[in-house]
Amino acid sequence: MLSAIHVSPGIVLPHIGTRYHFSGAISPEHFAFYTHYGFLHFTGFLSAKAISQLRQNVADVTSQLLASNATKVNGIPIKFGLADNGERIIHRLPYTSHYNIAIEQLLNHAGIHTFCGLLGRTDARVGYNEKDGIVTNYYINSSKSNQRQMGWHTDSMREIMLMQRLEPMINVGVYLTDSGPHNGGLRVLPGSHTQRTPAMIFSKVQLLNKSADKNEFLVSAHAGDLVLHSGRLWHRVGKSPLMGIQSVRHVMYVPVVCGAQLNRHSNSSTPLYHKLNKYISYK
């Protein structure tokens, strides 16, 4: 157990496992926690009713895309797999709200734009049409699955590969299912977001290194929780020890970005990192 860490006069940073309740604003303690550890966990960000609606919205978009035989959205590849019965499933769905604006409306109503304040920039914004948009990840440990885990990586590596200016960013995860050791769970290296750029790139072999780290912290969350992390933070998704439906981990990620606005559209080209991604194993 880590002891409380004094980060500034009047603020005592709680234990790394602290979970906050979202009240519609970022407090000095929230900011101090995020600045020190590189992530934040809010419980009950969305109600059970809202989560049910989001799941249905995602299911509708998934059905639409499978029926249309689409392979990309705004130039970003859709990642497919197979269910045990042989039917196609979607593991990674970029720009989820592109076909269903109700998803954006629900997240906006819940106050997701509030987290722009953590970047301390006047140009911070929710990137619904930037990066990969709202990404919905569906992990399942099954015989035909193509996405059972994800190796160590930093999200900001994308800008390095695209030779773009490295700007602060946050990935905001909205949990559609419970997440923990039973289905792999998010593992983070607390404080690694403060590293210099070379360490952000080379501390581990991006995506290929799936090994546990003695300093990693497992983030256990419930459906409706929100867990956000810095784009510079090293993190991975573990592999579930269970098989089939019990192993499912379903999470929606929304980017908070700043800097030059680079919206993507139907004619956008596929970025290099996605072209290379087909050679990475997530099994």
Protein backbone atom coordinates (compact mmCIF):
# COMPACT_ATOMS: atom_id res chain seq x y z
CA MET A 1 0.00 0.00 0.00
CA LEU A 2 1.32 3.42 -0.97
CA SER A 3 1.08 6.10 1.65
CA ALA A 4 -0.49 9.49 0.96
CA ILE A 5 1.79 11.83 -0.97
CA HIS A 6 1.91 15.56 -0.27
CA VAL A 7 1.93 17.29 -3.65
CA SER A 8 1.21 20.91 -2.75
CA PRO A 9 0.15 22.94 0.30
CA GLY A 10 -3.35 21.97 1.37
CA ILE A 11 -3.63 18.93 -0.92
CA VAL A 12 -2.80 15.39 0.18
CA LEU A 13 -2.81 12.88 -2.65
CA PRO A 14 -4.78 9.75 -1.68
CA HIS A 15 -3.80 6.16 -2.33
CA ILE A 16 -3.45 5.11 -5.96
CA GLY A 17 -6.60 2.98 -5.71
CA THR A 18 -8.83 5.95 -4.91
CA ARG A 19 -12.02 6.18 -6.97
CA TYR A 20 -13.86 9.46 -7.25
CA HIS A 21 -17.51 10.32 -7.77
CA PHE A 22 -18.09 12.67 -10.70
CA SER A 23 -19.84 15.88 -9.66
CA GLY A 24 -19.54 17.77 -12.95
CA ALA A 25 -16.27 19.56 -12.20
CA ILE A 26 -12.55 18.86 -11.86
CA SER A 27 -11.31 19.59 -8.34
CA PRO A 28 -7.74 20.48 -7.30
CA GLU A 29 -7.44 16.98 -5.83
CA HIS A 30 -8.50 15.40 -9.15
CA PHE A 31 -5.93 17.49 -10.97
CA ALA A 32 -3.20 16.60 -8.46
CA PHE A 33 -4.01 12.89 -8.69
CA TYR A 34 -3.95 12.95 -12.50
CA THR A 35 -0.76 15.00 -12.61
CA HIS A 36 1.02 12.57 -10.28
CA TYR A 37 -0.28 9.17 -11.42
CA GLY A 38 -1.33 9.85 -15.01
CA PHE A 39 -4.87 8.51 -14.71
CA LEU A 40 -8.18 9.10 -12.90
CA HIS A 41 -11.06 6.78 -12.00
CA PHE A 42 -14.64 8.01 -11.57
CA THR A 43 -17.33 5.58 -10.43
CA GLY A 44 -20.88 5.69 -11.73
CA PHE A 45 -20.21 8.26 -14.44
CA LEU A 46 -23.12 6.79 -16.42
CA SER A 47 -26.29 5.24 -15.05
CA ALA A 48 -27.33 1.66 -15.79
CA LYS A 49 -29.98 3.06 -18.16
CA ALA A 50 -27.39 5.12 -20.06
CA ILE A 51 -25.02 2.14 -20.33
CA SER A 52 -27.85 -0.01 -21.66
CA GLN A 53 -28.57 2.65 -24.27
CA LEU A 54 -24.91 2.87 -25.27
CA ARG A 55 -24.68 -0.89 -25.64
CA GLN A 56 -27.74 -0.85 -27.90
CA ASN A 57 -26.33 2.02 -29.95
CA VAL A 58 -23.07 0.12 -30.44
CA ALA A 59 -24.97 -3.05 -31.36
CA ASP A 60 -26.97 -1.12 -33.96
CA VAL A 61 -23.83 0.39 -35.51
CA THR A 62 -22.11 -3.00 -35.48
CA SER A 63 -25.03 -4.65 -37.28
CA GLN A 64 -25.10 -1.86 -39.84
CA LEU A 65 -21.40 -2.13 -40.60
CA LEU A 66 -21.40 -5.93 -40.80
CA ALA A 67 -24.32 -5.81 -43.21
CA SER A 68 -22.60 -3.19 -45.39
CA ASN A 69 -19.29 -5.08 -45.58
CA ALA A 70 -17.47 -1.86 -44.62
CA THR A 71 -13.80 -2.31 -43.72
CA LYS A 72 -12.90 1.26 -42.66
CA VAL A 73 -14.48 4.35 -41.14
CA ASN A 74 -12.88 7.65 -42.15
CA GLY A 75 -9.83 5.74 -43.31
CA ILE A 76 -9.39 3.89 -40.00
CA PRO A 77 -9.64 0.08 -40.30
CA ILE A 78 -12.35 -1.84 -38.49
CA LYS A 79 -10.89 -4.85 -36.69
CA PHE A 80 -12.87 -8.04 -37.18
CA GLY A 81 -12.87 -11.42 -35.53
CA LEU A 82 -15.04 -14.51 -35.38
CA ALA A 83 -17.38 -15.75 -32.71
CA ASP A 84 -17.13 -19.43 -31.77
CA ASN A 85 -20.11 -20.12 -34.05
CA GLY A 86 -18.21 -18.65 -37.00
CA GLU A 87 -20.14 -15.37 -37.26
CA ARG A 88 -18.14 -12.17 -37.76
CA ILE A 89 -17.76 -9.80 -34.82
CA ILE A 90 -16.11 -6.39 -34.51
CA HIS A 91 -13.27 -6.13 -32.01
CA ARG A 92 -12.28 -2.52 -32.64
CA LEU A 93 -14.80 -0.04 -33.99
CA PRO A 94 -13.39 3.44 -34.76
CA TYR A 95 -15.64 6.48 -35.10
CA THR A 96 -18.46 4.63 -33.38
CA SER A 97 -20.62 7.76 -33.29
CA HIS A 98 -20.16 8.41 -37.04
CA TYR A 99 -23.27 6.32 -37.73
CA ASN A 100 -25.14 7.17 -34.53
CA ILE A 101 -24.97 10.76 -33.25
CA ALA A 102 -26.97 9.74 -30.16
CA ILE A 103 -23.74 8.35 -28.71
CA GLU A 104 -22.10 11.80 -28.77
CA GLN A 105 -25.26 13.40 -27.40
CA LEU A 106 -25.39 11.00 -24.46
CA LEU A 107 -21.71 11.55 -23.59
CA ASN A 108 -22.04 15.33 -23.95
CA HIS A 109 -25.07 15.35 -21.67
CA ALA A 110 -23.10 13.35 -19.08
CA GLY A 111 -20.40 16.04 -19.10
CA ILE A 112 -17.50 14.32 -20.82
CA HIS A 113 -16.20 17.70 -22.05
CA THR A 114 -15.36 18.51 -18.41
CA PHE A 115 -12.14 16.50 -18.68
CA CYS A 116 -10.72 18.95 -21.19
CA GLY A 117 -9.84 21.02 -18.12
CA LEU A 118 -7.15 18.51 -17.13
CA LEU A 119 -5.01 19.58 -20.10
CA GLY A 120 -4.93 23.23 -19.04
CA ARG A 121 -5.24 24.42 -22.62
CA THR A 122 -7.83 26.73 -24.15
CA ASP A 123 -7.83 24.63 -27.32
CA ALA A 124 -8.57 21.35 -25.52
CA ARG A 125 -11.60 19.57 -26.97
CA VAL A 126 -13.30 16.18 -27.32
CA GLY A 127 -12.00 14.74 -30.60
CA TYR A 128 -15.12 13.15 -32.03
CA ASN A 129 -13.78 13.61 -35.58
CA GLU A 130 -10.05 13.38 -34.83
CA LYS A 131 -7.55 10.59 -34.15
CA ASP A 132 -9.75 7.46 -34.37
CA GLY A 133 -12.84 9.20 -32.97
CA ILE A 134 -14.84 7.25 -30.41
CA VAL A 135 -13.29 3.77 -30.39
CA THR A 136 -15.23 0.81 -29.02
CA ASN A 137 -13.08 -2.17 -28.04
CA TYR A 138 -14.48 -5.65 -27.61
CA TYR A 139 -12.08 -8.18 -26.07
CA ILE A 140 -13.00 -11.84 -25.75
CA ASN A 141 -10.82 -14.85 -24.98
CA SER A 142 -12.11 -17.50 -27.37
CA SER A 143 -10.70 -19.90 -29.93
CA LYS A 144 -11.42 -17.63 -32.92
CA SER A 145 -10.93 -14.24 -31.29
CA ASN A 146 -8.46 -11.78 -32.81
CA GLN A 147 -8.42 -9.52 -29.75
CA ARG A 148 -7.78 -11.14 -26.38
CA GLN A 149 -5.25 -8.68 -24.93
CA MET A 150 -3.11 -5.67 -25.85
CA GLY A 151 0.59 -5.22 -25.19
CA TRP A 152 2.27 -2.27 -23.48
CA HIS A 153 1.97 1.00 -25.41
CA THR A 154 1.59 4.76 -25.17
CA ASP A 155 -1.20 6.43 -27.14
CA SER A 156 0.93 9.45 -28.02
CA MET A 157 3.20 7.17 -30.06
CA ARG A 158 0.77 7.76 -32.94
CA GLU A 159 1.91 11.35 -33.32
CA ILE A 160 5.54 10.25 -33.36
CA MET A 161 4.85 7.79 -36.16
CA LEU A 162 2.94 10.42 -38.13
CA MET A 163 5.73 12.95 -37.54
CA GLN A 164 3.23 15.34 -35.97
CA ARG A 165 3.77 17.75 -33.10
CA LEU A 166 3.48 15.88 -29.80
CA GLU A 167 0.58 17.57 -27.99
CA PRO A 168 -0.98 16.63 -24.64
CA MET A 169 -3.93 14.26 -24.93
CA ILE A 170 -6.15 12.10 -22.77
CA ASN A 171 -7.97 8.89 -23.58
CA VAL A 172 -11.28 8.71 -21.70
CA GLY A 173 -12.55 5.16 -21.19
CA VAL A 174 -16.27 4.58 -20.57
CA TYR A 175 -16.84 1.02 -19.36
CA LEU A 176 -19.73 -0.90 -20.93
CA THR A 177 -18.93 -3.99 -18.84
CA ASP A 178 -17.14 -4.65 -15.59
CA SER A 179 -13.36 -4.86 -15.99
CA GLY A 180 -10.82 -6.53 -13.73
CA PRO A 181 -8.64 -9.61 -13.34
CA HIS A 182 -11.51 -11.88 -14.47
CA ASN A 183 -11.42 -10.39 -18.00
CA GLY A 184 -7.88 -9.10 -18.25
CA GLY A 185 -8.31 -5.55 -17.05
CA LEU A 186 -6.43 -2.33 -17.70
CA ARG A 187 -2.87 -2.30 -16.34
CA VAL A 188 -1.02 1.02 -16.02
CA LEU A 189 2.47 2.10 -14.97
CA PRO A 190 1.66 4.97 -12.58
CA GLY A 191 3.70 8.11 -13.16
CA SER A 192 5.19 6.92 -16.46
CA HIS A 193 3.47 9.83 -18.26
CA THR A 194 6.14 12.16 -16.85
CA GLN A 195 8.96 10.42 -18.71
CA ARG A 196 10.93 12.12 -21.43
CA THR A 197 9.95 11.41 -25.03
CA PRO A 198 12.70 8.80 -25.71
CA ALA A 199 11.48 6.78 -22.70
CA MET A 200 7.90 7.13 -23.91
CA ILE A 201 8.98 5.50 -27.15
CA PHE A 202 11.59 2.97 -26.11
CA SER A 203 11.03 1.92 -22.47
CA LYS A 204 9.19 -1.15 -23.77
CA VAL A 205 8.62 -2.63 -27.20
CA GLN A 206 5.32 -0.99 -28.13
CA LEU A 207 2.42 -3.50 -28.35
CA LEU A 208 4.73 -6.51 -28.69
CA ASN A 209 5.65 -6.66 -24.98
CA LYS A 210 2.74 -8.30 -23.14
CA SER A 211 4.64 -9.29 -20.00
CA ALA A 212 3.48 -8.25 -16.53
CA ASP A 213 5.51 -5.46 -14.91
CA LYS A 214 6.26 -5.53 -11.18
CA ASN A 215 5.21 -1.86 -10.95
CA GLU A 216 1.94 -2.14 -12.87
CA PHE A 217 -1.37 -1.25 -11.25
CA LEU A 218 -4.56 -3.10 -12.17
CA VAL A 219 -7.54 -0.77 -12.61
CA SER A 220 -10.73 -2.62 -11.65
CA ALA A 221 -13.88 -0.87 -12.85
CA HIS A 222 -17.63 -1.46 -13.08
CA ALA A 223 -19.94 -0.85 -16.01
CA GLY A 224 -20.73 2.87 -16.02
CA ASP A 225 -17.34 3.86 -14.57
CA LEU A 226 -15.00 6.23 -16.36
CA VAL A 227 -11.23 5.78 -16.32
CA LEU A 228 -9.11 8.33 -18.16
CA HIS A 229 -5.37 8.30 -18.73
CA SER A 230 -2.68 10.48 -20.25
CA GLY A 231 -1.61 9.69 -23.80
CA ARG A 232 1.97 9.39 -22.53
CA LEU A 233 1.14 6.76 -19.89
CA TRP A 234 2.35 3.21 -20.44
CA HIS A 235 -0.56 0.79 -20.25
CA ARG A 236 -1.75 -2.60 -21.46
CA VAL A 237 -4.81 -4.85 -21.38
CA GLY A 238 -4.32 -8.26 -19.80
CA LYS A 239 -5.62 -11.56 -21.11
CA SER A 240 -8.61 -13.05 -19.32
CA PRO A 241 -8.04 -16.37 -17.52
CA LEU A 242 -11.61 -17.27 -18.49
CA MET A 243 -13.00 -18.31 -21.86
CA GLY A 244 -16.03 -17.26 -23.87
CA ILE A 245 -18.66 -14.75 -22.82
CA GLN A 246 -17.31 -14.58 -19.26
CA SER A 247 -14.09 -13.09 -20.61
CA VAL A 248 -15.69 -10.18 -22.48
CA ARG A 249 -14.30 -6.70 -21.82
CA HIS A 250 -16.22 -3.92 -23.60
CA VAL A 251 -14.93 -0.35 -23.36
CA MET A 252 -15.56 2.87 -25.30
CA TYR A 253 -12.65 5.33 -25.60
CA VAL A 254 -13.07 9.02 -26.37
CA PRO A 255 -10.02 11.20 -27.15
CA VAL A 256 -9.50 14.61 -25.53
CA VAL A 257 -7.01 16.49 -27.68
CA CYS A 258 -5.47 19.90 -28.28
CA GLY A 259 -3.32 21.54 -30.93
CA ALA A 260 -4.12 21.81 -34.63
CA GLN A 261 -7.55 20.39 -35.45
CA LEU A 262 -7.15 17.50 -37.89
CA ASN A 263 -10.61 16.18 -38.65
CA ARG A 264 -10.89 12.97 -40.62
CA HIS A 265 -13.48 12.20 -43.30
CA SER A 266 -14.54 9.43 -45.67
CA ASN A 267 -11.69 10.18 -48.09
CA SER A 268 -8.96 10.28 -45.43
CA SER A 269 -6.02 7.95 -45.99
CA THR A 270 -5.13 5.14 -43.59
CA PRO A 271 -2.34 6.22 -41.19
CA LEU A 272 0.94 4.31 -41.20
CA TYR A 273 0.50 2.98 -37.67
CA HIS A 274 -2.73 1.25 -38.70
CA LYS A 275 -1.09 -0.26 -41.76
CA LEU A 276 1.59 -1.73 -39.50
CA ASN A 277 -0.93 -2.78 -36.87
CA LYS A 278 -2.08 -5.76 -38.95
CA TYR A 279 1.26 -7.40 -38.13
CA ILE A 280 0.69 -7.12 -34.34
CA SER A 281 -0.84 -10.04 -32.46
CA TYR A 282 -3.54 -9.36 -29.87
CA LYS A 283 -4.02 -13.02 -28.99
